[in-house]
Amino acid sequence: MKLNLLSCDAQKPDRRAIAKCIEAVSSNIDASLSNELTDILLEGDPVDILMEDKNSGSALRALRKLSIDYEIIE
């Protein structure tokens, strides 16, 4: 499943938690890349990630908990 992470609406976003969440839900992103993607997302630019289908429900809940807006592409 492909996701487009649009923005983070949290007043004080937790960079570390967001990076760990991106790394955990993604099928091909390591810690270094997840930190870069977190910076891009918090600057206001959308980020595309490929997510494993087996954990999609819990992954989407984790993104919502971090106040990350997303759209499902595939």
PDB file of N, CA and C in Angstrom:
ATOM      1  N   MET A   1       0.852  -1.166   0.000  1.00  0.00           N
ATOM      2  CA  MET A   1       0.000   0.000   0.000  1.00  0.00           C
ATOM      3  C   MET A   1       0.899   1.231   0.000  1.00  0.00           C
ATOM      4  N   LYS A   2       0.565   2.195  -0.831  1.00  0.00           N
ATOM      5  CA  LYS A   2       1.357   3.418  -0.918  1.00  0.00           C
ATOM      6  C   LYS A   2       0.606   4.550  -0.217  1.00  0.00           C
ATOM      7  N   LEU A   3       1.312   5.272   0.645  1.00  0.00           N
ATOM      8  CA  LEU A   3       0.741   6.394   1.385  1.00  0.00           C
ATOM      9  C   LEU A   3       1.446   7.676   1.025  1.00  0.00           C
ATOM     10  N   ASN A   4       0.687   8.744   1.019  1.00  0.00           N
ATOM     11  CA  ASN A   4       1.238  10.078   0.860  1.00  0.00           C
ATOM     12  C   ASN A   4       1.024  10.799   2.186  1.00  0.00           C
ATOM     13  N   LEU A   5       2.098  11.037   2.925  1.00  0.00           N
ATOM     14  CA  LEU A   5       2.006  11.769   4.190  1.00  0.00           C
ATOM     15  C   LEU A   5       1.976  13.249   3.849  1.00  0.00           C
ATOM     16  N   LEU A   6       0.886  13.905   4.190  1.00  0.00           N
ATOM     17  CA  LEU A   6       0.655  15.277   3.752  1.00  0.00           C
ATOM     18  C   LEU A   6       1.218  16.324   4.701  1.00  0.00           C
ATOM     19  N   SER A   7       0.928  16.183   5.987  1.00  0.00           N
ATOM     20  CA  SER A   7       1.358  17.191   6.948  1.00  0.00           C
ATOM     21  C   SER A   7       1.242  16.640   8.362  1.00  0.00           C
ATOM     22  N   CYS A   8       1.822  17.385   9.295  1.00  0.00           N
ATOM     23  CA  CYS A   8       1.700  17.046  10.709  1.00  0.00           C
ATOM     24  C   CYS A   8       1.105  18.259  11.410  1.00  0.00           C
ATOM     25  N   ASP A   9      -0.066  18.066  12.029  1.00  0.00           N
ATOM     26  CA  ASP A   9      -0.792  19.174  12.641  1.00  0.00           C
ATOM     27  C   ASP A   9      -0.517  19.340  14.133  1.00  0.00           C
ATOM     28  N   ALA A  10       0.396  18.578  14.690  1.00  0.00           N
ATOM     29  CA  ALA A  10       0.688  18.673  16.119  1.00  0.00           C
ATOM     30  C   ALA A  10       1.343  20.017  16.431  1.00  0.00           C
ATOM     31  N   GLN A  11       0.991  20.582  17.596  1.00  0.00           N
ATOM     32  CA  GLN A  11       1.589  21.863  17.983  1.00  0.00           C
ATOM     33  C   GLN A  11       3.083  21.734  18.222  1.00  0.00           C
ATOM     34  N   LYS A  12       3.472  20.669  18.901  1.00  0.00           N
ATOM     35  CA  LYS A  12       4.891  20.385  19.133  1.00  0.00           C
ATOM     36  C   LYS A  12       5.176  18.966  18.650  1.00  0.00           C
ATOM     37  N   PRO A  13       5.452  18.811  17.351  1.00  0.00           N
ATOM     38  CA  PRO A  13       5.656  17.459  16.825  1.00  0.00           C
ATOM     39  C   PRO A  13       6.905  16.802  17.423  1.00  0.00           C
ATOM     40  N   ASP A  14       6.780  15.537  17.729  1.00  0.00           N
ATOM     41  CA  ASP A  14       7.871  14.747  18.291  1.00  0.00           C
ATOM     42  C   ASP A  14       8.628  14.103  17.131  1.00  0.00           C
ATOM     43  N   ARG A  15       9.735  14.730  16.708  1.00  0.00           N
ATOM     44  CA  ARG A  15      10.499  14.258  15.554  1.00  0.00           C
ATOM     45  C   ARG A  15      10.925  12.802  15.706  1.00  0.00           C
ATOM     46  N   ARG A  16      11.386  12.464  16.892  1.00  0.00           N
ATOM     47  CA  ARG A  16      11.882  11.111  17.128  1.00  0.00           C
ATOM     48  C   ARG A  16      10.762  10.082  16.974  1.00  0.00           C
ATOM     49  N   ALA A  17       9.596  10.374  17.537  1.00  0.00           N
ATOM     50  CA  ALA A  17       8.456   9.451  17.437  1.00  0.00           C
ATOM     51  C   ALA A  17       7.967   9.336  15.997  1.00  0.00           C
ATOM     52  N   ILE A  18       7.941  10.434  15.279  1.00  0.00           N
ATOM     53  CA  ILE A  18       7.508  10.401  13.883  1.00  0.00           C
ATOM     54  C   ILE A  18       8.480   9.573  13.045  1.00  0.00           C
ATOM     55  N   ALA A  19       9.773   9.793  13.239  1.00  0.00           N
ATOM     56  CA  ALA A  19      10.782   9.039  12.491  1.00  0.00           C
ATOM     57  C   ALA A  19      10.678   7.543  12.789  1.00  0.00           C
ATOM     58  N   LYS A  20      10.494   7.195  14.051  1.00  0.00           N
ATOM     59  CA  LYS A  20      10.361   5.777  14.414  1.00  0.00           C
ATOM     60  C   LYS A  20       9.100   5.180  13.809  1.00  0.00           C
ATOM     61  N   CYS A  21       8.036   5.942  13.782  1.00  0.00           N
ATOM     62  CA  CYS A  21       6.779   5.464  13.206  1.00  0.00           C
ATOM     63  C   CYS A  21       6.943   5.231  11.702  1.00  0.00           C
ATOM     64  N   ILE A  22       7.566   6.171  11.006  1.00  0.00           N
ATOM     65  CA  ILE A  22       7.784   6.018   9.566  1.00  0.00           C
ATOM     66  C   ILE A  22       8.641   4.785   9.301  1.00  0.00           C
ATOM     67  N   GLU A  23       9.682   4.610  10.083  1.00  0.00           N
ATOM     68  CA  GLU A  23      10.552   3.447   9.915  1.00  0.00           C
ATOM     69  C   GLU A  23       9.795   2.144  10.184  1.00  0.00           C
ATOM     70  N   ALA A  24       8.944   2.148  11.182  1.00  0.00           N
ATOM     71  CA  ALA A  24       8.211   0.930  11.559  1.00  0.00           C
ATOM     72  C   ALA A  24       7.139   0.546  10.537  1.00  0.00           C
ATOM     73  N   VAL A  25       6.425   1.510  10.003  1.00  0.00           N
ATOM     74  CA  VAL A  25       5.320   1.187   9.092  1.00  0.00           C
ATOM     75  C   VAL A  25       5.776   0.980   7.656  1.00  0.00           C
ATOM     76  N   SER A  26       6.928   1.501   7.319  1.00  0.00           N
ATOM     77  CA  SER A  26       7.416   1.397   5.952  1.00  0.00           C
ATOM     78  C   SER A  26       8.069   0.044   5.698  1.00  0.00           C
ATOM     79  N   SER A  27       8.016  -0.382   4.463  1.00  0.00           N
ATOM     80  CA  SER A  27       8.602  -1.680   4.132  1.00  0.00           C
ATOM     81  C   SER A  27      10.056  -1.574   3.689  1.00  0.00           C
ATOM     82  N   ASN A  28      10.547  -0.368   3.396  1.00  0.00           N
ATOM     83  CA  ASN A  28      11.900  -0.266   2.852  1.00  0.00           C
ATOM     84  C   ASN A  28      12.661   0.984   3.302  1.00  0.00           C
ATOM     85  N   ILE A  29      12.375   1.500   4.475  1.00  0.00           N
ATOM     86  CA  ILE A  29      13.026   2.729   4.949  1.00  0.00           C
ATOM     87  C   ILE A  29      13.800   2.427   6.222  1.00  0.00           C
ATOM     88  N   ASP A  30      15.072   2.866   6.244  1.00  0.00           N
ATOM     89  CA  ASP A  30      15.897   2.671   7.434  1.00  0.00           C
ATOM     90  C   ASP A  30      15.842   3.926   8.313  1.00  0.00           C
ATOM     91  N   ALA A  31      16.553   3.909   9.424  1.00  0.00           N
ATOM     92  CA  ALA A  31      16.491   5.001  10.400  1.00  0.00           C
ATOM     93  C   ALA A  31      16.975   6.325   9.818  1.00  0.00           C
ATOM     94  N   SER A  32      18.040   6.291   9.061  1.00  0.00           N
ATOM     95  CA  SER A  32      18.591   7.515   8.480  1.00  0.00           C
ATOM     96  C   SER A  32      17.602   8.174   7.520  1.00  0.00           C
ATOM     97  N   LEU A  33      17.034   7.376   6.639  1.00  0.00           N
ATOM     98  CA  LEU A  33      16.060   7.900   5.676  1.00  0.00           C
ATOM     99  C   LEU A  33      14.784   8.369   6.370  1.00  0.00           C
ATOM    100  N   SER A  34      14.365   7.674   7.405  1.00  0.00           N
ATOM    101  CA  SER A  34      13.145   8.094   8.109  1.00  0.00           C
ATOM    102  C   SER A  34      13.360   9.448   8.796  1.00  0.00           C
ATOM    103  N   ASN A  35      14.559   9.711   9.288  1.00  0.00           N
ATOM    104  CA  ASN A  35      14.859  11.030   9.868  1.00  0.00           C
ATOM    105  C   ASN A  35      14.799  12.121   8.806  1.00  0.00           C
ATOM    106  N   GLU A  36      15.329  11.852   7.616  1.00  0.00           N
ATOM    107  CA  GLU A  36      15.276  12.821   6.521  1.00  0.00           C
ATOM    108  C   GLU A  36      13.830  13.082   6.097  1.00  0.00           C
ATOM    109  N   LEU A  37      13.043  12.006   5.975  1.00  0.00           N
ATOM    110  CA  LEU A  37      11.641  12.157   5.573  1.00  0.00           C
ATOM    111  C   LEU A  37      10.842  12.915   6.626  1.00  0.00           C
ATOM    112  N   THR A  38      11.170  12.709   7.896  1.00  0.00           N
ATOM    113  CA  THR A  38      10.500  13.443   8.980  1.00  0.00           C
ATOM    114  C   THR A  38      10.782  14.930   8.849  1.00  0.00           C
ATOM    115  N   ASP A  39      12.024  15.293   8.581  1.00  0.00           N
ATOM    116  CA  ASP A  39      12.371  16.709   8.392  1.00  0.00           C
ATOM    117  C   ASP A  39      11.608  17.305   7.218  1.00  0.00           C
ATOM    118  N   ILE A  40      11.532  16.569   6.119  1.00  0.00           N
ATOM    119  CA  ILE A  40      10.800  17.045   4.936  1.00  0.00           C
ATOM    120  C   ILE A  40       9.328  17.239   5.270  1.00  0.00           C
ATOM    121  N   LEU A  41       8.734  16.273   5.966  1.00  0.00           N
ATOM    122  CA  LEU A  41       7.322  16.349   6.337  1.00  0.00           C
ATOM    123  C   LEU A  41       7.046  17.544   7.240  1.00  0.00           C
ATOM    124  N   LEU A  42       7.906  17.766   8.223  1.00  0.00           N
ATOM    125  CA  LEU A  42       7.688  18.869   9.164  1.00  0.00           C
ATOM    126  C   LEU A  42       7.955  20.237   8.546  1.00  0.00           C
ATOM    127  N   GLU A  43       8.680  20.272   7.430  1.00  0.00           N
ATOM    128  CA  GLU A  43       8.872  21.530   6.704  1.00  0.00           C
ATOM    129  C   GLU A  43       7.646  21.871   5.865  1.00  0.00           C
ATOM    130  N   GLY A  44       6.724  20.912   5.724  1.00  0.00           N
ATOM    131  CA  GLY A  44       5.478  21.182   5.008  1.00  0.00           C
ATOM    132  C   GLY A  44       5.345  20.506   3.662  1.00  0.00           C
ATOM    133  N   ASP A  45       6.330  19.719   3.263  1.00  0.00           N
ATOM    134  CA  ASP A  45       6.261  19.023   1.979  1.00  0.00           C
ATOM    135  C   ASP A  45       5.730  17.606   2.182  1.00  0.00           C
ATOM    136  N   PRO A  46       4.923  17.112   1.242  1.00  0.00           N
ATOM    137  CA  PRO A  46       4.407  15.750   1.370  1.00  0.00           C
ATOM    138  C   PRO A  46       5.503  14.710   1.140  1.00  0.00           C
ATOM    139  N   VAL A  47       5.305  13.527   1.712  1.00  0.00           N
ATOM    140  CA  VAL A  47       6.267  12.428   1.622  1.00  0.00           C
ATOM    141  C   VAL A  47       5.516  11.165   1.231  1.00  0.00           C
ATOM    142  N   ASP A  48       6.035  10.435   0.244  1.00  0.00           N
ATOM    143  CA  ASP A  48       5.448   9.155  -0.166  1.00  0.00           C
ATOM    144  C   ASP A  48       6.211   8.019   0.502  1.00  0.00           C
ATOM    145  N   ILE A  49       5.462   7.063   1.064  1.00  0.00           N
ATOM    146  CA  ILE A  49       6.092   5.866   1.618  1.00  0.00           C
ATOM    147  C   ILE A  49       5.325   4.642   1.151  1.00  0.00           C
ATOM    148  N   LEU A  50       6.011   3.522   1.097  1.00  0.00           N
ATOM    149  CA  LEU A  50       5.400   2.248   0.763  1.00  0.00           C
ATOM    150  C   LEU A  50       5.234   1.468   2.052  1.00  0.00           C
ATOM    151  N   MET A  51       3.998   1.068   2.350  1.00  0.00           N
ATOM    152  CA  MET A  51       3.694   0.419   3.615  1.00  0.00           C
ATOM    153  C   MET A  51       3.341  -1.047   3.388  1.00  0.00           C
ATOM    154  N   GLU A  52       3.753  -1.884   4.320  1.00  0.00           N
ATOM    155  CA  GLU A  52       3.392  -3.296   4.257  1.00  0.00           C
ATOM    156  C   GLU A  52       1.906  -3.439   4.570  1.00  0.00           C
ATOM    157  N   ASP A  53       1.209  -4.261   3.808  1.00  0.00           N
ATOM    158  CA  ASP A  53      -0.232  -4.433   3.987  1.00  0.00           C
ATOM    159  C   ASP A  53      -0.593  -5.162   5.276  1.00  0.00           C
ATOM    160  N   LYS A  54       0.308  -5.988   5.788  1.00  0.00           N
ATOM    161  CA  LYS A  54      -0.040  -6.817   6.939  1.00  0.00           C
ATOM    162  C   LYS A  54      -0.284  -6.023   8.226  1.00  0.00           C
ATOM    163  N   ASN A  55       0.281  -4.822   8.320  1.00  0.00           N
ATOM    164  CA  ASN A  55       0.090  -4.037   9.542  1.00  0.00           C
ATOM    165  C   ASN A  55      -0.575  -2.699   9.255  1.00  0.00           C
ATOM    166  N   SER A  56      -1.373  -2.634   8.221  1.00  0.00           N
ATOM    167  CA  SER A  56      -1.912  -1.345   7.780  1.00  0.00           C
ATOM    168  C   SER A  56      -2.827  -0.689   8.810  1.00  0.00           C
ATOM    169  N   GLY A  57      -3.666  -1.450   9.486  1.00  0.00           N
ATOM    170  CA  GLY A  57      -4.590  -0.857  10.468  1.00  0.00           C
ATOM    171  C   GLY A  57      -3.868  -0.204  11.619  1.00  0.00           C
ATOM    172  N   SER A  58      -2.924  -0.903  12.213  1.00  0.00           N
ATOM    173  CA  SER A  58      -2.190  -0.337  13.346  1.00  0.00           C
ATOM    174  C   SER A  58      -1.267   0.789  12.902  1.00  0.00           C
ATOM    175  N   ALA A  59      -0.735   0.694  11.693  1.00  0.00           N
ATOM    176  CA  ALA A  59       0.138   1.755  11.184  1.00  0.00           C
ATOM    177  C   ALA A  59      -0.640   3.052  10.962  1.00  0.00           C
ATOM    178  N   LEU A  60      -1.828   2.939  10.413  1.00  0.00           N
ATOM    179  CA  LEU A  60      -2.643   4.132  10.178  1.00  0.00           C
ATOM    180  C   LEU A  60      -3.075   4.760  11.503  1.00  0.00           C
ATOM    181  N   ARG A  61      -3.365   3.928  12.502  1.00  0.00           N
ATOM    182  CA  ARG A  61      -3.692   4.455  13.838  1.00  0.00           C
ATOM    183  C   ARG A  61      -2.501   5.204  14.431  1.00  0.00           C
ATOM    184  N   ALA A  62      -1.310   4.661  14.262  1.00  0.00           N
ATOM    185  CA  ALA A  62      -0.102   5.298  14.794  1.00  0.00           C
ATOM    186  C   ALA A  62       0.123   6.652  14.128  1.00  0.00           C
ATOM    187  N   LEU A  63      -0.115   6.750  12.828  1.00  0.00           N
ATOM    188  CA  LEU A  63       0.039   8.024  12.129  1.00  0.00           C
ATOM    189  C   LEU A  63      -0.984   9.043  12.620  1.00  0.00           C
ATOM    190  N   ARG A  64      -2.228   8.603  12.806  1.00  0.00           N
ATOM    191  CA  ARG A  64      -3.263   9.524  13.308  1.00  0.00           C
ATOM    192  C   ARG A  64      -2.937  10.000  14.723  1.00  0.00           C
ATOM    193  N   LYS A  65      -2.391   9.113  15.539  1.00  0.00           N
ATOM    194  CA  LYS A  65      -2.035   9.467  16.914  1.00  0.00           C
ATOM    195  C   LYS A  65      -0.963  10.561  16.949  1.00  0.00           C
ATOM    196  N   LEU A  66      -0.080  10.568  15.941  1.00  0.00           N
ATOM    197  CA  LEU A  66       0.969  11.582  15.856  1.00  0.00           C
ATOM    198  C   LEU A  66       0.493  12.831  15.103  1.00  0.00           C
ATOM    199  N   SER A  67      -0.802  12.910  14.802  1.00  0.00           N
ATOM    200  CA  SER A  67      -1.422  14.036  14.090  1.00  0.00           C
ATOM    201  C   SER A  67      -0.868  14.215  12.684  1.00  0.00           C
ATOM    202  N   ILE A  68      -0.602  13.097  12.028  1.00  0.00           N
ATOM    203  CA  ILE A  68      -0.107  13.144  10.654  1.00  0.00           C
ATOM    204  C   ILE A  68      -1.275  12.899   9.716  1.00  0.00           C
ATOM    205  N   ASP A  69      -1.501  13.852   8.803  1.00  0.00           N
ATOM    206  CA  ASP A  69      -2.529  13.692   7.792  1.00  0.00           C
ATOM    207  C   ASP A  69      -1.935  12.904   6.617  1.00  0.00           C
ATOM    208  N   TYR A  70      -2.708  11.980   6.085  1.00  0.00           N
ATOM    209  CA  TYR A  70      -2.216  11.130   5.013  1.00  0.00           C
ATOM    210  C   TYR A  70      -3.325  10.838   4.028  1.00  0.00           C
ATOM    211  N   GLU A  71      -2.937  10.362   2.848  1.00  0.00           N
ATOM    212  CA  GLU A  71      -3.912   9.856   1.889  1.00  0.00           C
ATOM    213  C   GLU A  71      -3.372   8.544   1.335  1.00  0.00           C
ATOM    214  N   ILE A  72      -4.278   7.613   1.105  1.00  0.00           N
ATOM    215  CA  ILE A  72      -3.910   6.320   0.560  1.00  0.00           C
ATOM    216  C   ILE A  72      -3.913   6.431  -0.953  1.00  0.00           C
ATOM    217  N   ILE A  73      -2.783   6.099  -1.577  1.00  0.00           N
ATOM    218  CA  ILE A  73      -2.676   6.201  -3.022  1.00  0.00           C
ATOM    219  C   ILE A  73      -3.014   4.882  -3.690  1.00  0.00           C
ATOM    220  N   GLU A  74      -2.492   3.781  -3.183  1.00  0.00           N
ATOM    221  CA  GLU A  74      -2.779   2.457  -3.747  1.00  0.00           C
ATOM    222  C   GLU A  74      -3.189   1.516  -2.661  1.00  0.00           C
TER     223      GLU A  74
END
